[in-house]
Amino acid sequence: MQALALSDSHTEQEAAWFESEPYNRDPQSIRRRFIRDEQTFTSNRIAKFVGVEAFEAAGGTVRRDLFSDMDAAWYRDHALMVRLATERLDSIAAQVQAEGWQWAKAQPECDVFARAQYQRVSPRRLEPTGEAAQELAAIDKRIAEIAALQESDDTDDEMWERLADEEQTLSARQAEIEDGLYAFDPSDMARAGVIVTLGHDGEPDVLRGFIIREPAAPEAATDGKPSADLGVAAPVIVPDVKPVKGPHSEKLTLRLNARRTAAVAAALANNPHVALAALIHSQMAGEYSHRGEVSALDVSFHDQSTDLAKHAPELNSDLAYTAFVAQRQTWGAVIPGDSDALLSWLIEQTDEQLLQMLAQYVASTVDGVAKDETPHAINALIPALGLTLADTWQPTKAGYFDHVSKQRIVEIVSAVVSPAEGMKLAKLTKADAATEAERLMAGRGWLPEHFANPASLSVELWDRRQEADPTEADGEDAEDRDSDADGATDREADADDDRPY
């Protein structure tokens, strides 16, 4: 009865009860039925920021759990929620722009795909002067004294702990002063802007130093004369960048990229050497670059493999994919039942066994299910694994041709088989053309463009350059460092996780 109270509509309550099978009338199933198309306030950063009261005041409808100890609530109108959040963030953006930035934009949802539209400039470290320099020198001196005292035989445990607490306090103050020494160059601010988004906790997160990526410049005039406005920056307008419409819908693109991910993951699970290299690459590239997509791995271990079949249902009957999933699951029947015993058990295994387990778990973190067909880090793993996507994917009616236009089918068959066969398909219905295209294309090794010409994402390791030449050091905004620390906990997928860059 408590679950039915999620709705105040008697009709909706009756439907939830009588339209459900008897085994689906438990509280959890009824609750899921009511909220299946709704979003929660508790784990949604935008909803946290806006709040229930403001959402209702704007005309939004909220479903509440009257029996929840945590004031659980859900909503359906996400467009309204985003609009309310954007309006509030706009005022913050205006304040931040007054610092001297060329533009500021409120963007409640700003994942790695949104940030890929921009380049990044970083603040520079200023030399400390006056009181800051004196305080830093005093802190350094005292920390050195503490280290010497802690190493002394005359220091007992109680004194050692007091010194450790003092050192921790001094280090925190030192970091605070250092963070304050970073500032953006006015010339950078004049050409860059600010994105005001929301952090994982639903609090405003100000990301400074973004420059809109300019499209490739057209070929210069051949008369040898320089442009009259050479070197003069045009006013920057913050665009709502939309990807160029290609032959594939977003749903089909997700499906294709899920198949690509499954193929890479299955191959990686059986190649410990490449898995180990990929794991180290993700850590090293993460240290020296602040772009979240430089590696195809989510190393904190979010099992990405479980969602692949959601985008590509045919994977459930794919032998390589099902074997890959079952391969890792077999360890559940072997390992001990608690974490301490598990560590001891792992230490007892041979290096060969550990590497095989590592490969299987690293493979499960491969995250290549993107909404678009732009360059992706997963493509760098394909040649390393000796993988040929044509061996793992075929254009079928259900998996491809049903999801593209009839014109696209005719174009593909005309190019790969023959123009005559393409003309025949043009005279058929879409369904019949898709069926015939599957037959004609079988075994020909054709791949969609972003499979046939996979482009990897290459990012300059600018922090490495910074360490090699301190005179060119680019600092990192202290506020961005705080948001970076939280980034690994929330990939929206989404890829919301990601570090600002």
Protein backbone atom coordinates (compact mmCIF):
# COMPACT_ATOMS: atom_id res chain seq x y z
CA MET A 1 0.00 0.00 0.00
CA GLN A 2 2.89 2.37 0.69
CA ALA A 3 4.19 1.87 -2.84
CA LEU A 4 0.75 2.67 -4.29
CA ALA A 5 0.82 5.94 -2.34
CA LEU A 6 3.44 7.20 -4.79
CA SER A 7 0.46 8.20 -6.92
CA ASP A 8 -2.55 10.23 -5.80
CA SER A 9 -4.47 9.08 -8.88
CA HIS A 10 -6.86 6.25 -8.15
CA THR A 11 -6.84 5.31 -11.84
CA GLU A 12 -3.05 5.12 -11.91
CA GLN A 13 -3.04 3.05 -8.72
CA GLU A 14 -5.53 0.57 -10.18
CA ALA A 15 -3.52 0.30 -13.40
CA ALA A 16 -0.32 -0.36 -11.46
CA TRP A 17 -2.02 -3.17 -9.55
CA PHE A 18 -4.38 -4.83 -12.01
CA GLU A 19 -2.23 -4.49 -15.15
CA SER A 20 0.73 -6.12 -13.42
CA GLU A 21 1.28 -9.83 -13.18
CA PRO A 22 0.83 -11.19 -9.63
CA TYR A 23 4.58 -11.69 -9.26
CA ASN A 24 5.13 -8.02 -10.14
CA ARG A 25 2.92 -6.61 -7.40
CA ASP A 26 5.63 -6.35 -4.79
CA PRO A 27 6.49 -2.82 -3.54
CA GLN A 28 9.71 -2.58 -5.56
CA SER A 29 8.02 -3.49 -8.86
CA ILE A 30 5.13 -1.09 -8.28
CA ARG A 31 7.55 1.67 -7.37
CA ARG A 32 9.58 1.06 -10.54
CA ARG A 33 6.41 1.19 -12.64
CA PHE A 34 5.45 4.60 -11.28
CA ILE A 35 8.87 6.21 -11.69
CA ARG A 36 10.19 4.40 -14.79
CA ASP A 37 10.02 7.55 -16.96
CA GLU A 38 10.97 10.00 -14.23
CA GLN A 39 14.17 11.33 -12.73
CA THR A 40 15.08 11.54 -9.08
CA PHE A 41 15.96 14.64 -7.12
CA THR A 42 18.45 12.85 -4.88
CA SER A 43 21.14 11.86 -7.40
CA ASN A 44 20.57 14.39 -10.19
CA ARG A 45 22.89 17.38 -9.96
CA ILE A 46 20.53 19.72 -11.82
CA ALA A 47 17.56 18.76 -9.66
CA LYS A 48 19.65 19.18 -6.51
CA PHE A 49 20.58 22.68 -7.61
CA VAL A 50 17.05 23.79 -8.53
CA GLY A 51 15.27 22.11 -5.63
CA VAL A 52 11.76 20.74 -5.24
CA GLU A 53 10.14 24.00 -4.13
CA ALA A 54 11.51 26.11 -6.99
CA PHE A 55 10.57 23.42 -9.51
CA GLU A 56 6.99 23.27 -8.23
CA ALA A 57 6.76 27.06 -8.11
CA ALA A 58 7.61 27.13 -11.82
CA GLY A 59 4.77 24.73 -12.59
CA GLY A 60 6.66 21.45 -12.44
CA THR A 61 4.97 18.30 -11.15
CA VAL A 62 6.70 16.33 -8.40
CA ARG A 63 6.00 12.78 -7.26
CA ARG A 64 6.83 12.28 -3.58
CA ASP A 65 7.39 9.18 -1.48
CA LEU A 66 5.43 10.02 1.64
CA PHE A 67 7.01 7.17 3.57
CA SER A 68 10.63 7.88 2.70
CA ASP A 69 13.01 8.95 5.44
CA MET A 70 15.08 10.81 2.82
CA ASP A 71 12.26 12.87 1.26
CA ALA A 72 12.55 10.93 -2.00
CA ALA A 73 10.96 12.71 -4.96
CA TRP A 74 10.86 12.39 -8.75
CA TYR A 75 10.02 14.64 -11.69
CA ARG A 76 9.33 14.21 -15.40
CA ASP A 77 9.81 17.61 -17.09
CA HIS A 78 13.60 17.70 -17.48
CA ALA A 79 13.47 20.56 -20.01
CA LEU A 80 11.86 22.79 -17.38
CA MET A 81 14.45 21.68 -14.83
CA VAL A 82 17.32 22.58 -17.17
CA ARG A 83 15.75 25.97 -17.96
CA LEU A 84 15.43 26.86 -14.28
CA ALA A 85 19.00 25.82 -13.59
CA THR A 86 20.27 27.80 -16.59
CA GLU A 87 18.45 30.95 -15.46
CA ARG A 88 20.08 30.76 -12.03
CA LEU A 89 23.51 30.02 -13.46
CA ASP A 90 23.18 32.95 -15.90
CA SER A 91 23.42 35.42 -13.03
CA ILE A 92 26.60 33.73 -11.77
CA ALA A 93 28.04 33.76 -15.29
CA ALA A 94 27.44 37.51 -15.57
CA GLN A 95 29.32 38.12 -12.32
CA VAL A 96 32.27 35.98 -13.41
CA GLN A 97 32.43 37.60 -16.85
CA ALA A 98 32.99 40.92 -15.08
CA GLU A 99 36.44 39.62 -14.10
CA GLY A 100 37.49 40.45 -17.66
CA TRP A 101 36.53 37.37 -19.66
CA GLN A 102 35.34 37.75 -23.23
CA TRP A 103 32.27 35.60 -22.63
CA ALA A 104 30.57 33.51 -19.99
CA LYS A 105 28.02 30.79 -20.55
CA ALA A 106 25.67 28.94 -18.22
CA GLN A 107 25.61 25.25 -19.11
CA PRO A 108 24.13 22.96 -16.41
CA GLU A 109 25.10 19.81 -18.32
CA CYS A 110 28.70 19.97 -19.50
CA ASP A 111 30.17 16.54 -20.16
CA VAL A 112 33.33 15.61 -22.07
CA PHE A 113 31.54 15.89 -25.41
CA ALA A 114 30.44 19.45 -24.66
CA ARG A 115 33.92 20.41 -23.47
CA ALA A 116 35.50 18.95 -26.60
CA GLN A 117 34.13 22.00 -28.43
CA TYR A 118 36.73 24.13 -26.67
CA GLN A 119 40.44 24.51 -26.20
CA ARG A 120 41.82 25.46 -22.81
CA VAL A 121 44.18 28.12 -21.53
CA SER A 122 45.57 27.83 -18.03
CA PRO A 123 46.48 30.34 -15.34
CA ARG A 124 50.13 31.14 -14.78
CA ARG A 125 51.98 31.05 -11.50
CA LEU A 126 53.08 34.44 -10.21
CA GLU A 127 56.14 34.83 -8.04
CA PRO A 128 55.16 35.46 -4.42
CA THR A 129 55.93 38.94 -3.14
CA GLY A 130 55.64 40.81 0.15
CA GLU A 131 53.75 39.07 2.93
CA ALA A 132 53.05 35.95 0.86
CA ALA A 133 56.76 35.39 0.19
CA GLN A 134 57.63 35.93 3.85
CA GLU A 135 54.92 33.55 5.05
CA LEU A 136 55.94 30.83 2.59
CA ALA A 137 59.57 31.14 3.70
CA ALA A 138 58.55 30.90 7.35
CA ILE A 139 56.41 27.82 6.63
CA ASP A 140 59.27 26.11 4.77
CA LYS A 141 61.62 26.82 7.66
CA ARG A 142 59.22 25.50 10.29
CA ILE A 143 58.40 22.34 8.29
CA ALA A 144 62.13 21.62 8.06
CA GLU A 145 62.44 22.09 11.83
CA ILE A 146 59.52 19.73 12.42
CA ALA A 147 61.10 17.06 10.21
CA ALA A 148 64.33 17.31 12.20
CA LEU A 149 62.50 17.10 15.53
CA GLN A 150 60.50 14.06 14.41
CA GLU A 151 63.72 12.25 13.52
CA SER A 152 65.27 13.02 16.91
CA ASP A 153 65.55 10.21 19.46
CA ASP A 154 64.43 12.67 22.16
CA THR A 155 60.95 13.07 20.62
CA ASP A 156 58.36 10.81 22.24
CA ASP A 157 55.16 9.60 20.57
CA GLU A 158 52.98 12.35 22.02
CA MET A 159 55.34 15.08 20.82
CA TRP A 160 55.63 13.40 17.41
CA GLU A 161 51.83 13.47 16.99
CA ARG A 162 51.67 17.17 17.96
CA LEU A 163 54.39 17.96 15.44
CA ALA A 164 52.56 15.97 12.76
CA ASP A 165 49.36 17.94 13.39
CA GLU A 166 51.31 21.21 13.17
CA GLU A 167 52.97 20.12 9.94
CA GLN A 168 49.58 19.22 8.43
CA THR A 169 48.19 22.65 9.34
CA LEU A 170 51.22 24.41 7.87
CA SER A 171 51.03 22.36 4.66
CA ALA A 172 47.37 23.25 4.22
CA ARG A 173 48.19 26.94 4.61
CA GLN A 174 51.09 26.58 2.20
CA ALA A 175 48.78 25.02 -0.43
CA GLU A 176 46.25 27.81 0.13
CA ILE A 177 48.89 30.48 -0.54
CA GLU A 178 50.23 28.62 -3.58
CA ASP A 179 46.75 28.32 -5.06
CA GLY A 180 46.35 32.08 -4.72
CA LEU A 181 49.46 32.68 -6.80
CA TYR A 182 47.84 31.42 -10.01
CA ALA A 183 46.20 33.99 -12.26
CA PHE A 184 45.12 34.17 -15.88
CA ASP A 185 46.99 36.44 -18.23
CA PRO A 186 44.77 39.39 -19.28
CA SER A 187 45.52 38.64 -22.94
CA ASP A 188 44.19 35.11 -22.45
CA MET A 189 41.10 36.40 -20.67
CA ALA A 190 40.41 38.76 -23.56
CA ARG A 191 40.04 35.82 -25.95
CA ALA A 192 38.70 33.13 -23.62
CA GLY A 193 35.60 32.58 -21.59
CA VAL A 194 33.97 30.80 -18.70
CA ILE A 195 31.53 27.92 -18.44
CA VAL A 196 29.37 27.92 -15.34
CA THR A 197 28.12 24.39 -14.83
CA LEU A 198 27.15 22.14 -11.94
CA GLY A 199 29.43 19.88 -9.95
CA HIS A 200 28.56 16.37 -8.89
CA ASP A 201 27.11 17.70 -5.64
CA GLY A 202 24.74 20.06 -7.44
CA GLU A 203 26.75 23.16 -6.55
CA PRO A 204 27.83 25.74 -9.16
CA ASP A 205 31.21 24.96 -10.70
CA VAL A 206 33.02 27.78 -12.51
CA LEU A 207 35.37 26.54 -15.25
CA ARG A 208 37.60 29.30 -16.57
CA GLY A 209 39.82 29.60 -19.61
CA PHE A 210 37.86 28.04 -22.47
CA ILE A 211 38.43 29.07 -26.09
CA ILE A 212 35.96 28.07 -28.76
CA ARG A 213 37.58 25.86 -31.37
CA GLU A 214 37.64 27.65 -34.69
CA PRO A 215 36.88 25.68 -37.87
CA ALA A 216 39.80 25.06 -40.19
CA ALA A 217 40.64 28.24 -42.08
CA PRO A 218 39.95 28.21 -45.83
CA GLU A 219 42.87 28.37 -48.23
CA ALA A 220 44.39 31.84 -48.40
CA ALA A 221 43.96 33.95 -51.51
CA THR A 222 46.56 33.22 -54.18
CA ASP A 223 47.38 36.88 -54.94
CA GLY A 224 50.07 36.84 -52.25
CA LYS A 225 48.51 39.74 -50.36
CA PRO A 226 47.89 39.34 -46.64
CA SER A 227 44.42 39.72 -45.29
CA ALA A 228 43.59 43.25 -44.21
CA ASP A 229 42.47 42.11 -40.78
CA LEU A 230 45.32 39.62 -40.21
CA GLY A 231 45.91 39.14 -36.50
CA VAL A 232 42.73 40.95 -35.43
CA ALA A 233 40.44 38.70 -33.44
CA ALA A 234 36.81 38.78 -34.40
CA PRO A 235 34.22 39.02 -31.63
CA VAL A 236 33.57 35.60 -30.16
CA ILE A 237 30.00 34.41 -30.00
CA VAL A 238 29.35 31.38 -27.86
CA PRO A 239 27.58 28.93 -30.17
CA ASP A 240 25.34 26.05 -29.38
CA VAL A 241 27.48 23.66 -31.41
CA LYS A 242 25.51 20.95 -33.17
CA PRO A 243 27.21 18.00 -34.85
CA VAL A 244 26.95 17.75 -38.60
CA LYS A 245 24.11 15.43 -39.54
CA GLY A 246 25.51 12.17 -40.88
CA PRO A 247 23.92 9.02 -42.29
CA HIS A 248 23.44 7.44 -38.86
CA SER A 249 20.95 8.35 -36.16
CA GLU A 250 22.17 8.76 -32.58
CA LYS A 251 20.56 5.42 -31.69
CA LEU A 252 22.35 3.62 -34.52
CA THR A 253 25.63 5.36 -33.69
CA LEU A 254 25.35 4.14 -30.11
CA ARG A 255 24.62 0.66 -31.44
CA LEU A 256 27.63 0.68 -33.75
CA ASN A 257 29.93 2.04 -31.08
CA ALA A 258 28.67 -0.57 -28.61
CA ARG A 259 29.64 -3.27 -31.11
CA ARG A 260 33.07 -1.68 -31.56
CA THR A 261 33.51 -1.55 -27.77
CA ALA A 262 32.45 -5.18 -27.36
CA ALA A 263 34.95 -6.28 -30.00
CA VAL A 264 37.81 -4.35 -28.41
CA ALA A 265 36.91 -5.54 -24.91
CA ALA A 266 36.71 -9.20 -25.93
CA ALA A 267 40.11 -9.00 -27.64
CA LEU A 268 41.65 -7.07 -24.75
CA ALA A 269 40.49 -9.68 -22.23
CA ASN A 270 42.74 -12.20 -23.95
CA ASN A 271 45.75 -9.94 -24.38
CA PRO A 272 47.30 -9.19 -20.95
CA HIS A 273 50.25 -7.33 -22.48
CA VAL A 274 48.09 -4.74 -24.25
CA ALA A 275 45.75 -4.57 -21.24
CA LEU A 276 48.66 -3.75 -18.97
CA ALA A 277 49.96 -1.16 -21.44
CA ALA A 278 46.50 0.41 -21.71
CA LEU A 279 46.16 0.55 -17.94
CA ILE A 280 49.53 2.27 -17.51
CA HIS A 281 48.69 4.59 -20.41
CA SER A 282 45.48 5.72 -18.73
CA GLN A 283 47.36 6.56 -15.53
CA MET A 284 50.32 8.28 -17.19
CA ALA A 285 48.24 10.24 -19.71
CA GLY A 286 45.93 11.26 -16.88
CA GLU A 287 48.89 12.69 -14.97
CA TYR A 288 50.26 14.73 -17.84
CA SER A 289 47.08 15.79 -19.60
CA HIS A 290 43.79 17.12 -18.31
CA ARG A 291 41.48 15.74 -20.96
CA GLY A 292 39.27 12.97 -19.77
CA GLU A 293 39.10 11.04 -23.04
CA VAL A 294 42.84 10.45 -23.63
CA SER A 295 42.35 6.86 -22.50
CA ALA A 296 39.61 4.37 -23.37
CA LEU A 297 39.63 2.99 -19.81
CA ASP A 298 37.65 3.98 -16.75
CA VAL A 299 40.21 2.62 -14.31
CA SER A 300 38.18 3.08 -11.14
CA PHE A 301 36.35 -0.01 -12.49
CA HIS A 302 32.88 0.80 -13.64
CA ASP A 303 31.78 -2.33 -15.50
CA GLN A 304 30.97 -0.83 -18.90
CA SER A 305 30.40 -4.24 -20.49
CA THR A 306 27.00 -4.73 -18.85
CA ASP A 307 25.44 -1.87 -20.84
CA LEU A 308 26.69 -2.83 -24.29
CA ALA A 309 23.80 -5.18 -25.06
CA LYS A 310 21.38 -2.42 -24.13
CA HIS A 311 22.52 -0.50 -27.20
CA ALA A 312 23.17 -3.56 -29.38
CA PRO A 313 20.73 -6.35 -28.37
CA GLU A 314 22.24 -8.75 -30.90
CA LEU A 315 25.30 -9.00 -28.64
CA ASN A 316 23.32 -11.32 -26.37
CA SER A 317 23.70 -14.01 -29.03
CA ASP A 318 27.24 -13.08 -30.05
CA LEU A 319 29.62 -15.89 -29.07
CA ALA A 320 32.67 -13.69 -28.53
CA TYR A 321 30.76 -11.22 -26.36
CA THR A 322 28.98 -13.84 -24.24
CA ALA A 323 32.26 -15.71 -23.75
CA PHE A 324 33.94 -12.48 -22.69
CA VAL A 325 31.22 -11.77 -20.11
CA ALA A 326 31.20 -15.34 -18.80
CA GLN A 327 34.99 -15.40 -18.62
CA ARG A 328 35.14 -12.87 -15.81
CA GLN A 329 32.05 -14.12 -14.02
CA THR A 330 33.67 -17.51 -13.42
CA TRP A 331 35.93 -15.94 -10.79
CA GLY A 332 32.89 -15.40 -8.57
CA ALA A 333 32.73 -19.12 -7.83
CA VAL A 334 36.43 -19.31 -7.01
CA ILE A 335 37.40 -16.29 -4.94
CA PRO A 336 36.97 -16.06 -1.13
CA GLY A 337 33.96 -14.37 0.39
CA ASP A 338 35.54 -11.29 1.97
CA SER A 339 37.96 -8.59 0.81
CA ASP A 340 40.82 -9.38 3.21
CA ALA A 341 40.83 -13.04 2.24
CA LEU A 342 40.59 -12.00 -1.41
CA LEU A 343 43.82 -10.00 -1.17
CA SER A 344 45.63 -12.94 0.40
CA TRP A 345 44.26 -15.25 -2.28
CA LEU A 346 45.38 -12.92 -5.06
CA ILE A 347 48.88 -12.66 -3.62
CA GLU A 348 49.13 -16.44 -3.75
CA GLN A 349 48.36 -16.56 -7.50
CA THR A 350 51.06 -16.71 -10.16
CA ASP A 351 51.97 -13.64 -12.22
CA GLU A 352 50.45 -15.33 -15.26
CA GLN A 353 47.12 -15.80 -13.48
CA LEU A 354 47.13 -12.24 -12.16
CA LEU A 355 47.85 -10.83 -15.61
CA GLN A 356 44.97 -12.82 -17.07
CA MET A 357 42.61 -11.52 -14.39
CA LEU A 358 43.91 -8.01 -14.94
CA ALA A 359 43.24 -8.26 -18.66
CA GLN A 360 39.67 -9.41 -18.07
CA TYR A 361 38.90 -6.62 -15.63
CA VAL A 362 40.65 -3.94 -17.68
CA ALA A 363 38.65 -5.13 -20.69
CA SER A 364 35.42 -4.59 -18.77
CA THR A 365 36.26 -0.92 -18.24
CA VAL A 366 36.60 -0.11 -21.94
CA ASP A 367 34.20 2.77 -22.54
CA GLY A 368 33.71 3.53 -26.21
CA VAL A 369 29.93 3.93 -26.51
CA ALA A 370 29.85 7.51 -27.79
CA LYS A 371 26.89 9.39 -29.24
CA ASP A 372 28.86 10.57 -32.26
CA GLU A 373 31.45 9.35 -34.75
CA THR A 374 34.27 11.74 -33.84
CA PRO A 375 37.83 10.52 -33.08
CA HIS A 376 37.90 8.32 -29.99
CA ALA A 377 40.65 6.86 -27.81
CA ILE A 378 39.27 3.35 -28.30
CA ASN A 379 40.46 3.39 -31.91
CA ALA A 380 44.09 3.36 -30.76
CA LEU A 381 43.52 -0.06 -29.19
CA ILE A 382 42.20 -1.67 -32.39
CA PRO A 383 45.56 -1.98 -34.26
CA ALA A 384 47.37 -2.77 -31.00
CA LEU A 385 45.11 -5.80 -30.60
CA GLY A 386 45.41 -6.83 -34.24
CA LEU A 387 41.64 -6.50 -34.40
CA THR A 388 39.70 -6.30 -37.66
CA LEU A 389 36.22 -4.93 -37.02
CA ALA A 390 34.93 -6.57 -40.20
CA ASP A 391 35.55 -9.93 -38.53
CA THR A 392 33.27 -9.04 -35.62
CA TRP A 393 30.57 -6.92 -37.29
CA GLN A 394 28.46 -7.42 -40.40
CA PRO A 395 25.80 -5.04 -41.77
CA THR A 396 22.54 -6.89 -41.16
CA LYS A 397 18.95 -5.86 -41.64
CA ALA A 398 18.22 -5.69 -37.90
CA GLY A 399 21.58 -4.32 -36.86
CA TYR A 400 22.08 -1.68 -39.54
CA PHE A 401 19.92 -1.40 -42.66
CA ASP A 402 16.64 -1.03 -40.74
CA HIS A 403 18.11 2.09 -39.12
CA VAL A 404 19.30 4.03 -42.18
CA SER A 405 17.42 5.55 -45.09
CA LYS A 406 16.60 3.64 -48.25
CA GLN A 407 18.82 6.07 -50.16
CA ARG A 408 21.72 5.15 -47.87
CA ILE A 409 21.09 1.43 -48.57
CA VAL A 410 21.08 2.04 -52.32
CA GLU A 411 24.29 4.10 -52.14
CA ILE A 412 26.13 1.43 -50.14
CA VAL A 413 25.08 -1.47 -52.36
CA SER A 414 25.83 0.53 -55.52
CA ALA A 415 29.34 1.33 -54.28
CA VAL A 416 30.21 -2.08 -52.82
CA VAL A 417 28.31 -4.56 -55.01
CA SER A 418 27.36 -2.85 -58.27
CA PRO A 419 25.30 0.10 -59.53
CA ALA A 420 22.92 -2.36 -61.16
CA GLU A 421 22.14 -4.06 -57.85
CA GLY A 422 21.70 -0.66 -56.26
CA MET A 423 19.14 0.30 -58.90
CA LYS A 424 17.22 -2.92 -58.21
CA LEU A 425 16.98 -2.05 -54.52
CA ALA A 426 15.73 1.43 -55.36
CA LYS A 427 12.57 -0.16 -56.79
CA LEU A 428 11.83 -2.17 -53.63
CA THR A 429 10.14 -1.15 -50.41
CA LYS A 430 12.44 -0.06 -47.59
CA ALA A 431 11.93 -3.34 -45.68
CA ASP A 432 12.59 -5.51 -48.74
CA ALA A 433 15.61 -3.41 -49.69
CA ALA A 434 17.05 -3.88 -46.20
CA THR A 435 16.57 -7.65 -46.41
CA GLU A 436 18.16 -7.89 -49.85
CA ALA A 437 21.02 -5.58 -48.82
CA GLU A 438 21.93 -7.93 -45.97
CA ARG A 439 22.20 -10.81 -48.45
CA LEU A 440 24.20 -8.83 -51.00
CA MET A 441 26.63 -7.35 -48.46
CA ALA A 442 27.35 -10.58 -46.56
CA GLY A 443 31.04 -11.38 -46.38
CA ARG A 444 32.19 -8.29 -48.27
CA GLY A 445 33.91 -6.68 -45.28
CA TRP A 446 32.17 -3.34 -45.65
CA LEU A 447 32.29 -1.05 -42.61
CA PRO A 448 30.67 2.29 -41.77
CA GLU A 449 32.99 5.23 -42.35
CA HIS A 450 34.12 5.71 -38.74
CA PHE A 451 34.84 1.96 -38.49
CA ALA A 452 36.67 1.78 -41.82
CA ASN A 453 38.80 4.86 -41.08
CA PRO A 454 39.04 4.91 -37.29
CA ALA A 455 40.62 8.09 -35.96
CA SER A 456 42.11 8.13 -32.49
CA LEU A 457 42.16 11.15 -30.24
CA SER A 458 45.67 12.50 -29.73
CA VAL A 459 46.20 15.09 -27.02
CA GLU A 460 49.39 17.01 -26.31
CA LEU A 461 50.81 16.13 -22.91
CA TRP A 462 51.24 19.77 -22.00
CA ASP A 463 52.03 19.11 -18.33
CA ARG A 464 55.04 17.08 -19.48
CA ARG A 465 56.30 20.11 -21.40
CA GLN A 466 55.70 22.21 -18.31
CA GLU A 467 57.89 19.96 -16.17
CA ALA A 468 60.61 19.89 -18.81
CA ASP A 469 60.75 23.70 -19.08
CA PRO A 470 59.66 25.51 -15.90
CA THR A 471 59.91 28.87 -17.69
CA GLU A 472 56.89 27.91 -19.77
CA ALA A 473 54.90 26.68 -16.81
CA ASP A 474 51.16 26.91 -17.06
CA GLY A 475 49.45 26.53 -13.73
CA GLU A 476 46.07 24.99 -13.21
CA ASP A 477 43.14 26.89 -11.82
CA ALA A 478 42.68 25.96 -8.17
CA GLU A 479 38.93 25.78 -8.54
CA ASP A 480 39.32 23.38 -11.46
CA ARG A 481 41.62 21.17 -9.39
CA ASP A 482 38.84 20.74 -6.84
CA SER A 483 36.36 19.76 -9.51
CA ASP A 484 38.96 17.43 -11.07
CA ALA A 485 39.24 15.47 -7.84
CA ASP A 486 35.55 14.66 -8.01
CA GLY A 487 35.49 13.91 -11.72
CA ALA A 488 36.22 10.21 -11.52
CA THR A 489 33.11 9.54 -9.44
CA ASP A 490 30.54 10.51 -12.00
CA ARG A 491 30.77 9.68 -15.72
CA GLU A 492 27.58 10.48 -17.49
CA ALA A 493 27.94 9.26 -19.39
CA ASP A 494 27.89 10.90 -17.97
CA ALA A 495 30.43 11.07 -19.31
CA ASP A 496 30.11 13.77 -17.09
CA ASP A 497 33.26 12.67 -15.51
CA ASP A 498 35.75 13.95 -16.75
CA ARG A 499 38.34 16.51 -15.98
CA PRO A 500 37.94 20.04 -17.33
CA TYR A 501 40.34 20.78 -20.15
